[in-house]
N, C-alpha and C. Protein backbone atom coordinates (compact mmCIF):
# COMPACT_ATOMS: atom_id res chain seq x y z
N MET A 1 33.62 31.66 -172.25
CA MET A 1 33.15 31.32 -170.96
C MET A 1 31.76 30.74 -171.02
N ASN A 2 31.58 30.06 -170.06
CA ASN A 2 30.33 29.35 -169.95
C ASN A 2 29.29 30.29 -169.32
N SER A 3 28.06 30.13 -169.66
CA SER A 3 27.03 31.04 -169.16
C SER A 3 26.82 30.86 -167.65
N SER A 4 27.00 29.68 -167.17
CA SER A 4 26.83 29.47 -165.73
C SER A 4 27.97 30.11 -164.95
N GLU A 5 29.15 30.11 -165.52
CA GLU A 5 30.28 30.74 -164.86
C GLU A 5 30.10 32.24 -164.83
N ILE A 6 29.55 32.77 -165.87
CA ILE A 6 29.32 34.21 -165.92
C ILE A 6 28.30 34.60 -164.87
N ARG A 7 27.29 33.83 -164.68
CA ARG A 7 26.26 34.15 -163.68
C ARG A 7 26.88 34.14 -162.27
N LYS A 8 27.73 33.14 -162.00
CA LYS A 8 28.38 33.08 -160.70
C LYS A 8 29.28 34.29 -160.52
N TRP A 9 29.99 34.65 -161.60
CA TRP A 9 30.91 35.74 -161.52
C TRP A 9 30.19 37.06 -161.31
N THR A 10 29.06 37.27 -161.93
CA THR A 10 28.31 38.52 -161.79
C THR A 10 27.62 38.60 -160.43
N THR A 11 27.23 37.50 -159.91
CA THR A 11 26.57 37.55 -158.59
C THR A 11 27.56 37.82 -157.48
N HIS A 12 28.80 37.38 -157.63
CA HIS A 12 29.80 37.62 -156.60
C HIS A 12 30.44 38.98 -156.72
N GLN A 13 30.44 39.52 -157.86
CA GLN A 13 31.05 40.82 -158.07
C GLN A 13 30.04 41.89 -157.69
N THR A 14 30.46 42.80 -156.86
CA THR A 14 29.55 43.85 -156.40
C THR A 14 30.12 45.20 -156.74
N THR A 15 29.26 46.16 -156.79
CA THR A 15 29.68 47.53 -157.09
C THR A 15 30.05 48.22 -155.79
N PRO A 16 30.78 49.32 -155.85
CA PRO A 16 31.15 50.02 -154.62
C PRO A 16 29.93 50.55 -153.86
N GLU A 17 28.88 50.91 -154.53
CA GLU A 17 27.68 51.42 -153.86
C GLU A 17 27.04 50.32 -153.02
N VAL A 18 27.01 49.12 -153.56
CA VAL A 18 26.42 48.01 -152.83
C VAL A 18 27.25 47.71 -151.58
N ASP A 19 28.59 47.80 -151.72
CA ASP A 19 29.47 47.55 -150.57
C ASP A 19 29.22 48.58 -149.47
N ARG A 20 29.02 49.83 -149.85
CA ARG A 20 28.76 50.87 -148.83
C ARG A 20 27.45 50.63 -148.11
N GLU A 21 26.45 50.24 -148.85
CA GLU A 21 25.15 49.96 -148.22
C GLU A 21 25.26 48.79 -147.25
N GLN A 22 26.03 47.78 -147.64
CA GLN A 22 26.18 46.62 -146.77
C GLN A 22 26.93 47.01 -145.49
N THR A 23 27.92 47.86 -145.61
CA THR A 23 28.66 48.28 -144.42
C THR A 23 27.80 49.16 -143.52
N LYS A 24 26.94 49.97 -144.15
CA LYS A 24 26.02 50.78 -143.34
C LYS A 24 25.07 49.89 -142.56
N HIS A 25 24.58 48.87 -143.21
CA HIS A 25 23.67 47.95 -142.54
C HIS A 25 24.37 47.21 -141.41
N LYS A 26 25.61 46.89 -141.61
CA LYS A 26 26.34 46.20 -140.56
C LYS A 26 26.52 47.08 -139.34
N LYS A 27 26.74 48.37 -139.56
CA LYS A 27 26.91 49.27 -138.43
C LYS A 27 25.60 49.45 -137.68
N ILE A 28 24.52 49.43 -138.37
CA ILE A 28 23.22 49.61 -137.74
C ILE A 28 22.87 48.40 -136.88
N TYR A 29 23.24 47.26 -137.33
CA TYR A 29 22.86 46.04 -136.64
C TYR A 29 23.93 45.53 -135.68
N THR A 30 24.76 46.39 -135.20
CA THR A 30 25.76 45.94 -134.23
C THR A 30 25.07 45.62 -132.92
N LYS A 31 25.59 44.64 -132.23
CA LYS A 31 24.99 44.22 -130.96
C LYS A 31 25.39 45.20 -129.86
N LYS A 32 24.43 45.51 -129.04
CA LYS A 32 24.70 46.37 -127.91
C LYS A 32 25.07 45.49 -126.72
N ASN A 33 25.98 45.99 -125.93
CA ASN A 33 26.34 45.26 -124.72
C ASN A 33 25.26 45.51 -123.68
N ILE A 34 24.55 44.48 -123.34
CA ILE A 34 23.49 44.60 -122.34
C ILE A 34 24.13 44.30 -120.99
N LYS A 35 24.02 45.25 -120.11
CA LYS A 35 24.64 45.13 -118.80
C LYS A 35 23.72 44.31 -117.90
N LYS A 36 24.24 43.21 -117.43
CA LYS A 36 23.46 42.39 -116.52
C LYS A 36 23.80 42.79 -115.10
N GLY A 37 22.82 42.73 -114.22
CA GLY A 37 23.04 43.11 -112.83
C GLY A 37 22.12 44.25 -112.45
N LEU A 38 22.46 44.88 -111.35
CA LEU A 38 21.64 45.94 -110.81
C LEU A 38 22.26 47.29 -111.08
N SER A 39 21.41 48.27 -111.26
CA SER A 39 21.91 49.62 -111.45
C SER A 39 22.27 50.21 -110.08
N LYS A 40 22.92 51.36 -110.09
CA LYS A 40 23.32 51.97 -108.82
C LYS A 40 22.11 52.33 -107.96
N GLY A 41 21.08 52.83 -108.60
CA GLY A 41 19.87 53.20 -107.87
C GLY A 41 19.22 52.00 -107.20
N GLU A 42 19.16 50.90 -107.92
CA GLU A 42 18.58 49.69 -107.34
C GLU A 42 19.43 49.18 -106.18
N LYS A 43 20.75 49.26 -106.34
CA LYS A 43 21.63 48.83 -105.25
C LYS A 43 21.41 49.67 -104.01
N TYR A 44 21.28 50.99 -104.18
CA TYR A 44 21.04 51.87 -103.04
C TYR A 44 19.69 51.56 -102.38
N LEU A 45 18.69 51.30 -103.20
CA LEU A 45 17.38 50.96 -102.64
C LEU A 45 17.44 49.65 -101.85
N TYR A 46 18.11 48.65 -102.39
CA TYR A 46 18.23 47.37 -101.69
C TYR A 46 19.03 47.53 -100.39
N ILE A 47 20.08 48.31 -100.43
CA ILE A 47 20.86 48.53 -99.22
C ILE A 47 20.04 49.27 -98.18
N ALA A 48 19.31 50.30 -98.59
CA ALA A 48 18.47 51.07 -97.65
C ALA A 48 17.39 50.18 -97.06
N PHE A 49 16.77 49.37 -97.90
CA PHE A 49 15.72 48.47 -97.41
C PHE A 49 16.31 47.44 -96.44
N SER A 50 17.48 46.93 -96.73
CA SER A 50 18.12 45.95 -95.85
C SER A 50 18.46 46.56 -94.50
N ILE A 51 19.00 47.78 -94.52
CA ILE A 51 19.33 48.46 -93.27
C ILE A 51 18.06 48.73 -92.46
N LEU A 52 17.02 49.17 -93.13
CA LEU A 52 15.75 49.41 -92.45
C LEU A 52 15.20 48.12 -91.83
N LEU A 53 15.29 47.03 -92.55
CA LEU A 53 14.82 45.75 -92.05
C LEU A 53 15.62 45.30 -90.83
N ILE A 54 16.93 45.51 -90.85
CA ILE A 54 17.77 45.15 -89.71
C ILE A 54 17.44 46.00 -88.49
N VAL A 55 17.24 47.30 -88.70
CA VAL A 55 16.92 48.20 -87.59
C VAL A 55 15.57 47.84 -86.98
N VAL A 56 14.58 47.58 -87.80
CA VAL A 56 13.26 47.21 -87.29
C VAL A 56 13.33 45.89 -86.54
N SER A 57 14.07 44.94 -87.07
CA SER A 57 14.22 43.64 -86.39
C SER A 57 14.89 43.80 -85.03
N ALA A 58 15.93 44.63 -84.98
CA ALA A 58 16.62 44.87 -83.71
C ALA A 58 15.68 45.54 -82.70
N TYR A 59 14.85 46.47 -83.16
CA TYR A 59 13.89 47.13 -82.27
C TYR A 59 12.87 46.13 -81.73
N ILE A 60 12.40 45.24 -82.57
CA ILE A 60 11.41 44.25 -82.13
C ILE A 60 12.02 43.32 -81.10
N VAL A 61 13.25 42.88 -81.34
CA VAL A 61 13.91 41.99 -80.38
C VAL A 61 14.15 42.73 -79.06
N SER A 62 14.57 43.98 -79.13
CA SER A 62 14.81 44.78 -77.93
C SER A 62 13.51 44.97 -77.14
N TYR A 63 12.43 45.27 -77.84
CA TYR A 63 11.14 45.46 -77.18
C TYR A 63 10.67 44.17 -76.51
N ALA A 64 10.83 43.05 -77.20
CA ALA A 64 10.43 41.76 -76.62
C ALA A 64 11.27 41.44 -75.39
N SER A 65 12.54 41.76 -75.43
CA SER A 65 13.42 41.51 -74.29
C SER A 65 13.02 42.36 -73.09
N LYS A 66 12.73 43.63 -73.35
CA LYS A 66 12.33 44.51 -72.25
C LYS A 66 11.01 44.07 -71.64
N SER A 67 10.05 43.69 -72.46
CA SER A 67 8.76 43.25 -71.93
C SER A 67 8.91 41.95 -71.15
N ASP A 68 9.79 41.05 -71.59
CA ASP A 68 10.04 39.82 -70.86
C ASP A 68 10.66 40.12 -69.49
N THR A 69 11.61 41.05 -69.45
CA THR A 69 12.24 41.43 -68.19
C THR A 69 11.21 42.04 -67.24
N MET A 70 10.35 42.89 -67.77
CA MET A 70 9.32 43.51 -66.93
C MET A 70 8.35 42.47 -66.39
N ASN A 71 7.97 41.49 -67.21
CA ASN A 71 7.07 40.44 -66.76
C ASN A 71 7.70 39.61 -65.65
N ARG A 72 8.98 39.30 -65.79
CA ARG A 72 9.67 38.55 -64.74
C ARG A 72 9.72 39.34 -63.43
N GLN A 73 10.02 40.63 -63.52
CA GLN A 73 10.04 41.46 -62.31
C GLN A 73 8.66 41.54 -61.68
N LEU A 74 7.63 41.66 -62.51
CA LEU A 74 6.27 41.71 -62.00
C LEU A 74 5.91 40.43 -61.26
N GLN A 75 6.28 39.29 -61.81
CA GLN A 75 6.02 38.03 -61.14
C GLN A 75 6.77 37.93 -59.81
N THR A 76 8.01 38.44 -59.79
CA THR A 76 8.78 38.44 -58.54
C THR A 76 8.11 39.30 -57.49
N PHE A 77 7.66 40.49 -57.89
CA PHE A 77 7.00 41.39 -56.94
C PHE A 77 5.67 40.80 -56.47
N GLU A 78 4.94 40.17 -57.35
CA GLU A 78 3.68 39.54 -56.93
C GLU A 78 3.95 38.44 -55.91
N GLY A 79 5.01 37.67 -56.11
CA GLY A 79 5.38 36.63 -55.14
C GLY A 79 5.74 37.23 -53.80
N LYS A 80 6.49 38.36 -53.82
CA LYS A 80 6.85 39.03 -52.56
C LYS A 80 5.62 39.57 -51.85
N VAL A 81 4.67 40.12 -52.61
CA VAL A 81 3.44 40.66 -52.02
C VAL A 81 2.63 39.54 -51.37
N GLU A 82 2.51 38.41 -52.06
CA GLU A 82 1.77 37.28 -51.48
C GLU A 82 2.44 36.78 -50.20
N ASN A 83 3.76 36.73 -50.20
CA ASN A 83 4.49 36.29 -49.02
C ASN A 83 4.28 37.27 -47.86
N GLN A 84 4.33 38.56 -48.16
CA GLN A 84 4.12 39.56 -47.12
C GLN A 84 2.68 39.51 -46.59
N GLN A 85 1.70 39.26 -47.45
CA GLN A 85 0.32 39.12 -46.99
C GLN A 85 0.18 37.93 -46.05
N TYR A 86 0.86 36.85 -46.38
CA TYR A 86 0.82 35.66 -45.52
C TYR A 86 1.43 35.98 -44.15
N ILE A 87 2.56 36.70 -44.16
CA ILE A 87 3.20 37.08 -42.90
C ILE A 87 2.28 38.02 -42.10
N ASN A 88 1.64 38.97 -42.78
CA ASN A 88 0.73 39.90 -42.10
C ASN A 88 -0.45 39.18 -41.46
N GLU A 89 -1.00 38.18 -42.16
CA GLU A 89 -2.12 37.42 -41.60
C GLU A 89 -1.67 36.67 -40.35
N GLY A 90 -0.46 36.12 -40.41
CA GLY A 90 0.06 35.42 -39.22
C GLY A 90 0.25 36.37 -38.05
N LEU A 91 0.77 37.57 -38.32
CA LEU A 91 0.97 38.55 -37.25
C LEU A 91 -0.36 39.05 -36.70
N THR A 92 -1.35 39.21 -37.55
CA THR A 92 -2.68 39.63 -37.08
C THR A 92 -3.27 38.58 -36.15
N PHE A 93 -3.10 37.32 -36.52
CA PHE A 93 -3.59 36.24 -35.66
C PHE A 93 -2.84 36.25 -34.32
N GLU A 94 -1.54 36.50 -34.36
CA GLU A 94 -0.75 36.54 -33.12
C GLU A 94 -1.17 37.70 -32.23
N VAL A 95 -1.47 38.86 -32.84
CA VAL A 95 -1.94 40.02 -32.06
C VAL A 95 -3.25 39.68 -31.36
N LYS A 96 -4.16 39.02 -32.06
CA LYS A 96 -5.44 38.65 -31.45
C LYS A 96 -5.23 37.64 -30.31
N GLU A 97 -4.29 36.74 -30.53
CA GLU A 97 -4.00 35.72 -29.52
C GLU A 97 -3.39 36.36 -28.27
N LEU A 98 -2.49 37.31 -28.45
CA LEU A 98 -1.83 37.94 -27.30
C LEU A 98 -2.71 38.94 -26.58
N SER A 99 -3.74 39.44 -27.22
CA SER A 99 -4.59 40.45 -26.58
C SER A 99 -5.85 39.85 -25.96
N ARG A 100 -5.87 38.57 -25.74
CA ARG A 100 -7.02 37.95 -25.06
C ARG A 100 -7.10 38.43 -23.61
N PRO A 101 -8.30 38.70 -23.12
CA PRO A 101 -8.45 39.20 -21.74
C PRO A 101 -7.93 38.22 -20.68
N GLU A 102 -8.09 36.92 -20.90
CA GLU A 102 -7.63 35.95 -19.91
C GLU A 102 -6.11 36.03 -19.74
N ARG A 103 -5.43 36.21 -20.83
CA ARG A 103 -3.98 36.29 -20.79
C ARG A 103 -3.54 37.55 -20.06
N ILE A 104 -4.25 38.65 -20.31
CA ILE A 104 -3.89 39.91 -19.67
C ILE A 104 -4.08 39.82 -18.16
N THR A 105 -5.18 39.25 -17.72
CA THR A 105 -5.42 39.12 -16.27
C THR A 105 -4.41 38.18 -15.64
N LYS A 106 -4.02 37.15 -16.33
CA LYS A 106 -3.03 36.20 -15.81
C LYS A 106 -1.70 36.90 -15.62
N ILE A 107 -1.26 37.69 -16.59
CA ILE A 107 0.01 38.40 -16.48
C ILE A 107 -0.08 39.45 -15.37
N ALA A 108 -1.24 40.12 -15.22
CA ALA A 108 -1.41 41.13 -14.17
C ALA A 108 -1.29 40.49 -12.78
N LYS A 109 -1.85 39.32 -12.58
CA LYS A 109 -1.77 38.64 -11.28
C LYS A 109 -0.34 38.19 -11.01
N GLU A 110 0.36 37.74 -12.07
CA GLU A 110 1.75 37.31 -11.88
C GLU A 110 2.64 38.48 -11.46
N LYS A 111 2.33 39.66 -11.90
CA LYS A 111 3.13 40.84 -11.58
C LYS A 111 2.71 41.47 -10.26
N GLY A 112 1.68 40.95 -9.66
CA GLY A 112 1.26 41.44 -8.36
C GLY A 112 0.19 42.52 -8.41
N LEU A 113 -0.47 42.68 -9.49
CA LEU A 113 -1.54 43.65 -9.60
C LEU A 113 -2.84 43.03 -9.12
N LYS A 114 -3.71 43.88 -8.56
CA LYS A 114 -5.01 43.41 -8.11
C LYS A 114 -6.04 43.75 -9.18
N VAL A 115 -6.83 42.79 -9.51
CA VAL A 115 -7.87 43.00 -10.50
C VAL A 115 -9.17 43.08 -9.71
N GLN A 116 -9.83 44.28 -9.72
CA GLN A 116 -11.04 44.47 -8.95
C GLN A 116 -12.24 43.89 -9.67
N ASP A 117 -12.39 44.26 -10.88
CA ASP A 117 -13.48 43.69 -11.64
C ASP A 117 -12.86 42.64 -12.56
N ALA A 118 -13.59 41.61 -12.77
CA ALA A 118 -13.07 40.54 -13.61
C ALA A 118 -13.19 40.86 -15.10
N GLU A 119 -13.63 42.05 -15.36
CA GLU A 119 -13.78 42.46 -16.75
C GLU A 119 -12.55 43.26 -17.18
N VAL A 120 -11.96 42.85 -18.28
CA VAL A 120 -10.84 43.58 -18.85
C VAL A 120 -11.30 44.11 -20.20
N LYS A 121 -11.15 45.38 -20.34
CA LYS A 121 -11.58 45.99 -21.58
C LYS A 121 -10.34 46.32 -22.42
N GLN A 122 -10.49 46.16 -23.70
CA GLN A 122 -9.39 46.49 -24.59
C GLN A 122 -9.52 47.94 -25.02
N ALA A 123 -8.44 48.63 -24.98
CA ALA A 123 -8.44 50.01 -25.44
C ALA A 123 -8.24 50.02 -26.95
N ASN A 124 -9.10 50.75 -27.59
CA ASN A 124 -8.98 50.88 -29.06
C ASN A 124 -7.94 51.95 -29.39
N ARG A 125 -7.26 51.72 -30.43
CA ARG A 125 -6.23 52.64 -30.85
C ARG A 125 -6.88 53.80 -31.59
N VAL A 126 -6.47 55.00 -31.22
CA VAL A 126 -7.00 56.20 -31.86
C VAL A 126 -5.87 56.82 -32.68
N ASN A 127 -6.14 57.00 -33.98
CA ASN A 127 -5.14 57.63 -34.85
C ASN A 127 -5.40 59.11 -34.92
N ASP A 128 -4.42 59.89 -34.54
CA ASP A 128 -4.58 61.35 -34.60
C ASP A 128 -3.72 61.92 -35.69
């Protein structure tokens, strides 16, 4: 045999001890299955956070809706109050117009009453 053939043959031929060491190394270097994705704990945290976010958002929308409704009612009531004040001012003016002394004496003469003094005094209302 040729010396080069012997070298090839000796390098390829291994002893049983070397084979065992190689198999041990292979077992050590096996690839681990790396699980991609989220763990159960992370999933629960994300779900809890999502639910909390939805609840808070719903509360904010509900609060904004209630405040908007209250503002609209307030504006309606303010409009009614202004209208009633306008009506009250008109009625106050009418009361002053109807309680003029000249008008009272005119109505008294039409009804046949005699006015001795030309002075008509208004009686003030007394609240008891």
